[in-house]
Structure formats: structure tokens, C-alpha cells
PDB file of N, CA and C in Angstrom:
ATOM      1  N   PHE A   1      -3.433 -11.244   2.386  1.00  0.00           N
ATOM      2  CA  PHE A   1      -3.500 -10.112   1.541  1.00  0.00           C
ATOM      3  C   PHE A   1      -2.961 -10.432   0.056  1.00  0.00           C
ATOM      4  N   VAL A   2      -1.872 -11.189   0.035  1.00  0.00           N
ATOM      5  CA  VAL A   2      -1.336 -11.439  -1.340  1.00  0.00           C
ATOM      6  C   VAL A   2      -2.376 -12.187  -2.157  1.00  0.00           C
ATOM      7  N   ASN A   3      -3.101 -13.169  -1.467  1.00  0.00           N
ATOM      8  CA  ASN A   3      -4.150 -13.898  -2.233  1.00  0.00           C
ATOM      9  C   ASN A   3      -5.241 -12.980  -2.739  1.00  0.00           C
ATOM     10  N   LEU A   4      -5.583 -12.012  -2.061  1.00  0.00           N
ATOM     11  CA  LEU A   4      -6.526 -11.046  -2.563  1.00  0.00           C
ATOM     12  C   LEU A   4      -5.982 -10.252  -3.704  1.00  0.00           C
ATOM     13  N   GLU A   5      -4.768  -9.816  -3.633  1.00  0.00           N
ATOM     14  CA  GLU A   5      -4.139  -9.029  -4.679  1.00  0.00           C
ATOM     15  C   GLU A   5      -4.106  -9.795  -5.990  1.00  0.00           C
ATOM     16  N   ILE A   6      -3.804 -11.123  -5.901  1.00  0.00           N
ATOM     17  CA  ILE A   6      -3.437 -11.914  -7.077  1.00  0.00           C
ATOM     18  C   ILE A   6      -4.803 -12.488  -7.716  1.00  0.00           C
ATOM     19  N   ASN A   7      -5.661 -12.898  -6.792  1.00  0.00           N
ATOM     20  CA  ASN A   7      -6.858 -13.749  -7.241  1.00  0.00           C
ATOM     21  C   ASN A   7      -8.097 -13.002  -7.415  1.00  0.00           C
ATOM     22  N   TYR A   8      -8.081 -11.732  -7.102  1.00  0.00           N
ATOM     23  CA  TYR A   8      -9.396 -10.921  -7.325  1.00  0.00           C
ATOM     24  C   TYR A   8      -9.164  -9.648  -8.050  1.00  0.00           C
ATOM     25  N   PRO A   9      -8.746  -9.791  -9.230  1.00  0.00           N
ATOM     26  CA  PRO A   9      -8.509  -8.513  -9.965  1.00  0.00           C
ATOM     27  C   PRO A   9      -9.677  -7.746 -10.239  1.00  0.00           C
ATOM     28  N   GLN A  10     -10.940  -8.323 -10.178  1.00  0.00           N
ATOM     29  CA  GLN A  10     -12.186  -7.652 -10.350  1.00  0.00           C
ATOM     30  C   GLN A  10     -12.559  -6.707  -9.266  1.00  0.00           C
ATOM     31  N   TYR A  11     -11.677  -6.661  -8.128  1.00  0.00           N
ATOM     32  CA  TYR A  11     -11.990  -5.786  -6.953  1.00  0.00           C
ATOM     33  C   TYR A  11     -10.799  -4.926  -6.752  1.00  0.00           C
ATOM     34  N   PRO A  12     -10.567  -3.933  -7.642  1.00  0.00           N
ATOM     35  CA  PRO A  12      -9.318  -3.067  -7.383  1.00  0.00           C
ATOM     36  C   PRO A  12      -9.381  -2.280  -6.160  1.00  0.00           C
ATOM     37  N   ASN A  13     -10.425  -1.970  -5.605  1.00  0.00           N
ATOM     38  CA  ASN A  13     -10.465  -1.132  -4.393  1.00  0.00           C
ATOM     39  C   ASN A  13      -9.908  -2.047  -3.200  1.00  0.00           C
ATOM     40  N   TRP A  14     -10.438  -3.291  -3.220  1.00  0.00           N
ATOM     41  CA  TRP A  14      -9.983  -4.200  -2.173  1.00  0.00           C
ATOM     42  C   TRP A  14      -8.472  -4.452  -2.341  1.00  0.00           C
ATOM     43  N   GLN A  15      -8.038  -4.602  -3.588  1.00  0.00           N
ATOM     44  CA  GLN A  15      -6.605  -4.861  -3.841  1.00  0.00           C
ATOM     45  C   GLN A  15      -5.787  -3.705  -3.301  1.00  0.00           C
ATOM     46  N   ALA A  16      -6.340  -2.500  -3.619  1.00  0.00           N
ATOM     47  CA  ALA A  16      -5.502  -1.330  -3.102  1.00  0.00           C
ATOM     48  C   ALA A  16      -5.363  -1.326  -1.586  1.00  0.00           C
ATOM     49  N   LYS A  17      -6.432  -1.596  -0.969  1.00  0.00           N
ATOM     50  CA  LYS A  17      -6.422  -1.717   0.576  1.00  0.00           C
ATOM     51  C   LYS A  17      -5.585  -2.830   0.970  1.00  0.00           C
ATOM     52  N   SER A  18      -5.587  -3.960   0.352  1.00  0.00           N
ATOM     53  CA  SER A  18      -4.713  -4.978   0.668  1.00  0.00           C
ATOM     54  C   SER A  18      -3.278  -4.680   0.480  1.00  0.00           C
ATOM     55  N   VAL A  19      -2.863  -4.012  -0.530  1.00  0.00           N
ATOM     56  CA  VAL A  19      -1.440  -3.645  -0.699  1.00  0.00           C
ATOM     57  C   VAL A  19      -1.033  -2.574   0.350  1.00  0.00           C
ATOM     58  N   LEU A  20      -1.985  -1.666   0.616  1.00  0.00           N
ATOM     59  CA  LEU A  20      -1.769  -0.724   1.634  1.00  0.00           C
ATOM     60  C   LEU A  20      -1.436  -1.443   2.983  1.00  0.00           C
ATOM     61  N   SER A  21      -2.386  -2.387   3.299  1.00  0.00           N
ATOM     62  CA  SER A  21      -2.142  -3.072   4.521  1.00  0.00           C
ATOM     63  C   SER A  21      -0.814  -3.917   4.568  1.00  0.00           C
ATOM     64  N   MET A  22      -0.443  -4.344   3.594  1.00  0.00           N
ATOM     65  CA  MET A  22       0.866  -5.035   3.502  1.00  0.00           C
ATOM     66  C   MET A  22       2.007  -4.018   3.827  1.00  0.00           C
ATOM     67  N   GLY A  23       1.833  -2.865   3.108  1.00  0.00           N
ATOM     68  CA  GLY A  23       2.805  -1.771   3.419  1.00  0.00           C
ATOM     69  C   GLY A  23       2.851  -1.402   4.970  1.00  0.00           C
ATOM     70  N   ARG A  24       1.710  -1.223   5.531  1.00  0.00           N
ATOM     71  CA  ARG A  24       1.726  -0.913   6.989  1.00  0.00           C
ATOM     72  C   ARG A  24       2.299  -2.002   7.865  1.00  0.00           C
ATOM     73  N   ILE A  25       2.054  -3.223   7.463  1.00  0.00           N
ATOM     74  CA  ILE A  25       2.685  -4.404   8.215  1.00  0.00           C
ATOM     75  C   ILE A  25       4.121  -4.388   8.025  1.00  0.00           C
ATOM     76  N   LEU A  26       4.703  -4.151   6.872  1.00  0.00           N
ATOM     77  CA  LEU A  26       6.151  -4.079   6.654  1.00  0.00           C
ATOM     78  C   LEU A  26       6.724  -2.939   7.350  1.00  0.00           C
ATOM     79  N   LEU A  27       5.999  -1.799   7.458  1.00  0.00           N
ATOM     80  CA  LEU A  27       6.528  -0.688   8.244  1.00  0.00           C
ATOM     81  C   LEU A  27       6.646  -1.007   9.715  1.00  0.00           C
ATOM     82  N   GLU A  28       5.645  -1.715  10.305  1.00  0.00           N
ATOM     83  CA  GLU A  28       5.750  -2.131  11.626  1.00  0.00           C
ATOM     84  C   GLU A  28       6.831  -3.075  11.938  1.00  0.00           C
ATOM     85  N   GLN A  29       7.188  -3.844  10.970  1.00  0.00           N
ATOM     86  CA  GLN A  29       8.282  -4.833  11.057  1.00  0.00           C
ATOM     87  C   GLN A  29       9.650  -4.161  10.707  1.00  0.00           C
ATOM     88  N   LYS A  30       9.670  -2.871  10.540  1.00  0.00           N
ATOM     89  CA  LYS A  30      10.854  -2.070  10.310  1.00  0.00           C
ATOM     90  C   LYS A  30      11.459  -2.500   8.918  1.00  0.00           C
ATOM     91  N   LYS A  31      10.691  -2.907   8.010  1.00  0.00           N
ATOM     92  CA  LYS A  31      11.125  -3.222   6.617  1.00  0.00           C
ATOM     93  C   LYS A  31      10.675  -2.032   5.727  1.00  0.00           C
ATOM     94  N   THR A  32      11.244  -0.907   6.052  1.00  0.00           N
ATOM     95  CA  THR A  32      10.911   0.257   5.421  1.00  0.00           C
ATOM     96  C   THR A  32      11.000   0.355   3.921  1.00  0.00           C
ATOM     97  N   ASP A  33      12.072  -0.223   3.287  1.00  0.00           N
ATOM     98  CA  ASP A  33      12.235  -0.233   1.937  1.00  0.00           C
ATOM     99  C   ASP A  33      11.222  -0.994   1.216  1.00  0.00           C
ATOM    100  N   GLN A  34      10.769  -2.105   1.881  1.00  0.00           N
ATOM    101  CA  GLN A  34       9.772  -2.918   1.181  1.00  0.00           C
ATOM    102  C   GLN A  34       8.399  -2.208   1.370  1.00  0.00           C
ATOM    103  N   ALA A  35       8.218  -1.526   2.558  1.00  0.00           N
ATOM    104  CA  ALA A  35       6.941  -0.845   2.770  1.00  0.00           C
ATOM    105  C   ALA A  35       6.778   0.295   1.790  1.00  0.00           C
ATOM    106  N   ILE A  36       7.863   1.043   1.528  1.00  0.00           N
ATOM    107  CA  ILE A  36       7.837   2.021   0.451  1.00  0.00           C
ATOM    108  C   ILE A  36       7.463   1.564  -0.846  1.00  0.00           C
ATOM    109  N   GLU A  37       7.896   0.529  -1.187  1.00  0.00           N
ATOM    110  CA  GLU A  37       7.616  -0.202  -2.502  1.00  0.00           C
ATOM    111  C   GLU A  37       6.196  -0.388  -2.624  1.00  0.00           C
ATOM    112  N   ARG A  38       5.450  -0.948  -1.564  1.00  0.00           N
ATOM    113  CA  ARG A  38       4.065  -1.183  -1.518  1.00  0.00           C
ATOM    114  C   ARG A  38       3.254   0.107  -1.617  1.00  0.00           C
ATOM    115  N   PHE A  39       3.722   1.077  -0.788  1.00  0.00           N
ATOM    116  CA  PHE A  39       2.908   2.384  -0.874  1.00  0.00           C
ATOM    117  C   PHE A  39       2.970   3.040  -2.271  1.00  0.00           C
ATOM    118  N   LYS A  40       4.150   2.934  -2.914  1.00  0.00           N
ATOM    119  CA  LYS A  40       4.240   3.515  -4.288  1.00  0.00           C
ATOM    120  C   LYS A  40       3.485   2.634  -5.239  1.00  0.00           C
ATOM    121  N   GLU A  41       3.368   1.306  -5.018  1.00  0.00           N
ATOM    122  CA  GLU A  41       2.564   0.464  -5.789  1.00  0.00           C
ATOM    123  C   GLU A  41       1.025   0.929  -5.773  1.00  0.00           C
ATOM    124  N   VAL A  42       0.696   1.243  -4.558  1.00  0.00           N
ATOM    125  CA  VAL A  42      -0.777   1.765  -4.515  1.00  0.00           C
ATOM    126  C   VAL A  42      -0.919   3.068  -5.284  1.00  0.00           C
ATOM    127  N   LEU A  43       0.022   3.946  -5.293  1.00  0.00           N
ATOM    128  CA  LEU A  43      -0.010   5.210  -6.047  1.00  0.00           C
ATOM    129  C   LEU A  43      -0.149   4.915  -7.609  1.00  0.00           C
ATOM    130  N   SER A  44       0.712   3.899  -7.988  1.00  0.00           N
ATOM    131  CA  SER A  44       0.931   3.830  -9.358  1.00  0.00           C
ATOM    132  C   SER A  44      -0.147   2.872 -10.074  1.00  0.00           C
ATOM    133  N   ARG A  45      -0.783   1.979  -9.270  1.00  0.00           N
ATOM    134  CA  ARG A  45      -1.612   0.885  -9.813  1.00  0.00           C
ATOM    135  C   ARG A  45      -3.120   1.130  -9.573  1.00  0.00           C
ATOM    136  N   TYR A  46      -3.381   1.812  -8.557  1.00  0.00           N
ATOM    137  CA  TYR A  46      -4.872   1.828  -8.109  1.00  0.00           C
ATOM    138  C   TYR A  46      -5.431   3.206  -8.187  1.00  0.00           C
ATOM    139  N   LYS A  47      -6.794   3.233  -8.253  1.00  0.00           N
ATOM    140  CA  LYS A  47      -7.492   4.617  -8.290  1.00  0.00           C
ATOM    141  C   LYS A  47      -8.295   4.860  -7.065  1.00  0.00           C
ATOM    142  N   ASP A  48      -8.237   3.986  -6.052  1.00  0.00           N
ATOM    143  CA  ASP A  48      -8.928   4.131  -4.736  1.00  0.00           C
ATOM    144  C   ASP A  48      -8.431   5.421  -4.072  1.00  0.00           C
ATOM    145  N   GLU A  49      -9.252   6.478  -4.033  1.00  0.00           N
ATOM    146  CA  GLU A  49      -8.768   7.679  -3.462  1.00  0.00           C
ATOM    147  C   GLU A  49      -8.337   7.599  -1.958  1.00  0.00           C
ATOM    148  N   GLU A  50      -9.140   6.815  -1.222  1.00  0.00           N
ATOM    149  CA  GLU A  50      -8.763   6.704   0.201  1.00  0.00           C
ATOM    150  C   GLU A  50      -7.380   6.132   0.394  1.00  0.00           C
ATOM    151  N   ALA A  51      -7.197   4.988  -0.402  1.00  0.00           N
ATOM    152  CA  ALA A  51      -5.913   4.263  -0.275  1.00  0.00           C
ATOM    153  C   ALA A  51      -4.747   5.129  -0.781  1.00  0.00           C
ATOM    154  N   ILE A  52      -4.979   5.798  -1.802  1.00  0.00           N
ATOM    155  CA  ILE A  52      -3.854   6.730  -2.349  1.00  0.00           C
ATOM    156  C   ILE A  52      -3.521   7.737  -1.246  1.00  0.00           C
ATOM    157  N   GLY A  53      -4.571   8.315  -0.782  1.00  0.00           N
ATOM    158  CA  GLY A  53      -4.251   9.384   0.268  1.00  0.00           C
ATOM    159  C   GLY A  53      -3.537   8.796   1.584  1.00  0.00           C
ATOM    160  N   LEU A  54      -3.897   7.678   1.948  1.00  0.00           N
ATOM    161  CA  LEU A  54      -3.218   6.947   3.110  1.00  0.00           C
ATOM    162  C   LEU A  54      -1.721   6.573   2.680  1.00  0.00           C
ATOM    163  N   ALA A  55      -1.601   6.156   1.425  1.00  0.00           N
ATOM    164  CA  ALA A  55      -0.253   5.742   1.023  1.00  0.00           C
ATOM    165  C   ALA A  55       0.673   7.070   0.939  1.00  0.00           C
ATOM    166  N   ARG A  56       0.040   8.058   0.476  1.00  0.00           N
ATOM    167  CA  ARG A  56       0.938   9.371   0.408  1.00  0.00           C
ATOM    168  C   ARG A  56       1.265   9.790   1.904  1.00  0.00           C
ATOM    169  N   ASN A  57       0.289   9.631   2.773  1.00  0.00           N
ATOM    170  CA  ASN A  57       0.585  10.004   4.088  1.00  0.00           C
ATOM    171  C   ASN A  57       1.754   9.239   4.797  1.00  0.00           C
ATOM    172  N   TYR A  58       1.661   7.928   4.527  1.00  0.00           N
ATOM    173  CA  TYR A  58       2.768   6.985   5.051  1.00  0.00           C
ATOM    174  C   TYR A  58       4.055   7.410   4.345  1.00  0.00           C
ATOM    175  N   LEU A  59       4.068   7.601   3.066  1.00  0.00           N
ATOM    176  CA  LEU A  59       5.372   7.953   2.529  1.00  0.00           C
ATOM    177  C   LEU A  59       5.937   9.377   3.063  1.00  0.00           C
ATOM    178  N   GLU A  60       5.019  10.361   3.214  1.00  0.00           N
ATOM    179  CA  GLU A  60       5.446  11.635   3.851  1.00  0.00           C
ATOM    180  C   GLU A  60       5.979  11.436   5.260  1.00  0.00           C
ATOM    181  N   GLN A  61       5.371  10.538   6.072  1.00  0.00           N
ATOM    182  CA  GLN A  61       5.880  10.274   7.315  1.00  0.00           C
ATOM    183  C   GLN A  61       7.254   9.595   7.274  1.00  0.00           C
ATOM    184  N   ILE A  62       7.414   8.664   6.384  1.00  0.00           N
ATOM    185  CA  ILE A  62       8.758   8.033   6.271  1.00  0.00           C
ATOM    186  C   ILE A  62       9.734   8.972   5.894  1.00  0.00           C
ATOM    187  N   GLU A  63       9.477   9.896   4.953  1.00  0.00           N
ATOM    188  CA  GLU A  63      10.499  10.893   4.414  1.00  0.00           C
ATOM    189  C   GLU A  63      10.900  11.840   5.549  1.00  0.00           C
ATOM    190  N   SER A  64       9.925  12.182   6.474  1.00  0.00           N
ATOM    191  CA  SER A  64      10.235  13.153   7.526  1.00  0.00           C
ATOM    192  C   SER A  64      10.966  12.584   8.744  1.00  0.00           C
ATOM    193  N   GLU A  65      11.048  11.248   8.602  1.00  0.00           N
ATOM    194  CA  GLU A  65      11.823  10.657   9.850  1.00  0.00           C
ATOM    195  C   GLU A  65      13.398  10.698   9.616  1.00  0.00           C
TER     196      GLU A  65
END
């Protein structure tokens, strides 16, 4: 995922989904703070509506726990 984020700037939608996936994996590993950083990165850096919506959902779930 990191390779995609770094080496393919011409594909921002793929990058957004990659960062989102990293956040999900971190969340599964109970690395909540790092996952939150990734989800917020999706919100601030990318314009992919689907990824933004999913990142918001994950952040809302984390906040409600």
C-alpha cells in the first residue's frame, strides 16, 4: 500500500483507497491512533468520495466506542 501511495501520484483515487486500507489494517491491529491518522489523511488529501465516506464512517465508529 505504501508503494502505491508514494510511487503513483498520478492515481489519486487508488492512493486514497490505499491509505484507507492501511487505516483499516491498523484498526484491526488495535493501533487506533495510527488508524485515525490515516483516516484523517484520506479526508484532508484526497477527493475520492467513496474513500472519504468510508473514512468518515470509520472515524465515527471509533469515536462512538
